[in-house]
Every structure is written in structure tokens, then in C-alpha cells.
Amino acid sequence: MTRPINLTKILGRYKKGWVALTGDSRRFIAAGSSLSQVLEVAKSKGVADPTVFKPAPVKNLFVG
């Protein structure tokens, strides 16, 4: 069974825009105001298939 990933520390400072993480959601890649901007930065960092989403204003965020 996969362990949940606590994203609170990784994403705590991002309240709006878009955020990209590695495909396994364990490492931050980029943040920006547009989806295309975040995807471009992820691609330039060698991450072809990032996990991308809009942050939600929550106190605790887990994936898994």
C-alpha cells in the first residue's frame, strides 16, 4: 500500500495560480500564474509528465 504524501510543507506558500510536482508528487517543480508557464518550466527541468493543479486554501493536504 502507498503511503500518503503530506503536501502541506511543500505547497504552504502557494495560494493561487498553478503548481507542478514530479509525477510521483514528492517534489516541487514550478509555480506560476498560467498552466502553460508551469508546464514550460517543468519541461525545461526535464519533467515530461508533471502532476499539475491549482492549490486549494486548506490547512492539511495529503495525496495517496
Protein backbone atom coordinates (compact mmCIF):
# COMPACT_ATOMS: atom_id res chain seq x y z
CA MET A 1 0.00 0.00 0.00
CA THR A 2 1.23 3.51 -0.85
CA ARG A 3 1.83 5.93 2.00
CA PRO A 4 0.02 9.30 1.88
CA ILE A 5 2.15 12.31 0.97
CA ASN A 6 1.83 15.39 3.17
CA LEU A 7 1.94 18.34 0.77
CA THR A 8 1.36 20.99 3.46
CA LYS A 9 5.05 21.94 3.76
CA ILE A 10 5.69 21.79 0.02
CA LEU A 11 2.68 23.86 -1.02
CA GLY A 12 2.08 26.05 2.03
CA ARG A 13 3.12 29.28 0.34
CA TYR A 14 1.16 28.80 -2.90
CA LYS A 15 -2.39 30.16 -2.65
CA LYS A 16 -3.22 30.79 -6.32
CA GLY A 17 -2.06 30.07 -9.84
CA TRP A 18 -0.72 26.68 -10.89
CA VAL A 19 1.76 24.31 -9.24
CA ALA A 20 3.73 21.44 -10.80
CA LEU A 21 5.18 18.50 -8.90
CA THR A 22 7.10 15.49 -10.10
CA GLY A 23 4.94 12.66 -11.40
CA ASP A 24 5.07 10.91 -8.01
CA SER A 25 4.01 14.19 -6.27
CA ARG A 26 7.00 14.11 -3.94
CA ARG A 27 9.00 17.10 -5.22
CA PHE A 28 8.07 20.66 -6.20
CA ILE A 29 8.96 21.66 -9.77
CA ALA A 30 7.38 25.04 -10.55
CA ALA A 31 4.65 27.55 -9.77
CA GLY A 32 3.17 30.23 -11.99
CA SER A 33 0.13 32.21 -12.96
CA SER A 34 -0.70 30.13 -16.05
CA LEU A 35 -0.82 26.44 -16.83
CA SER A 36 1.32 26.86 -19.95
CA GLN A 37 4.01 28.70 -17.96
CA VAL A 38 4.22 25.93 -15.36
CA LEU A 39 4.31 23.19 -17.99
CA GLU A 40 7.08 25.00 -19.87
CA VAL A 41 9.23 25.28 -16.73
CA ALA A 42 8.62 21.63 -15.86
CA LYS A 43 9.63 20.58 -19.37
CA SER A 44 12.79 22.72 -19.20
CA LYS A 45 13.69 20.93 -15.95
CA GLY A 46 13.32 17.54 -17.63
CA VAL A 47 9.95 16.59 -16.14
CA ALA A 48 7.88 15.44 -19.11
CA ASP A 49 4.75 14.37 -17.21
CA PRO A 50 4.34 16.51 -14.05
CA THR A 51 1.43 16.47 -11.63
CA VAL A 52 -0.17 19.90 -12.13
CA PHE A 53 -3.00 21.51 -10.19
CA LYS A 54 -4.39 24.72 -8.72
CA PRO A 55 -3.69 24.96 -4.98
CA ALA A 56 -6.65 24.96 -2.61
CA PRO A 57 -6.79 27.05 0.56
CA VAL A 58 -6.67 24.16 3.04
CA LYS A 59 -4.66 23.58 6.22
CA ASN A 60 -3.78 19.95 5.52
CA LEU A 61 -3.31 18.39 2.10
CA PHE A 62 -2.46 14.73 1.56
CA VAL A 63 -2.19 12.71 -1.64
CA GLY A 64 -2.22 8.95 -1.74
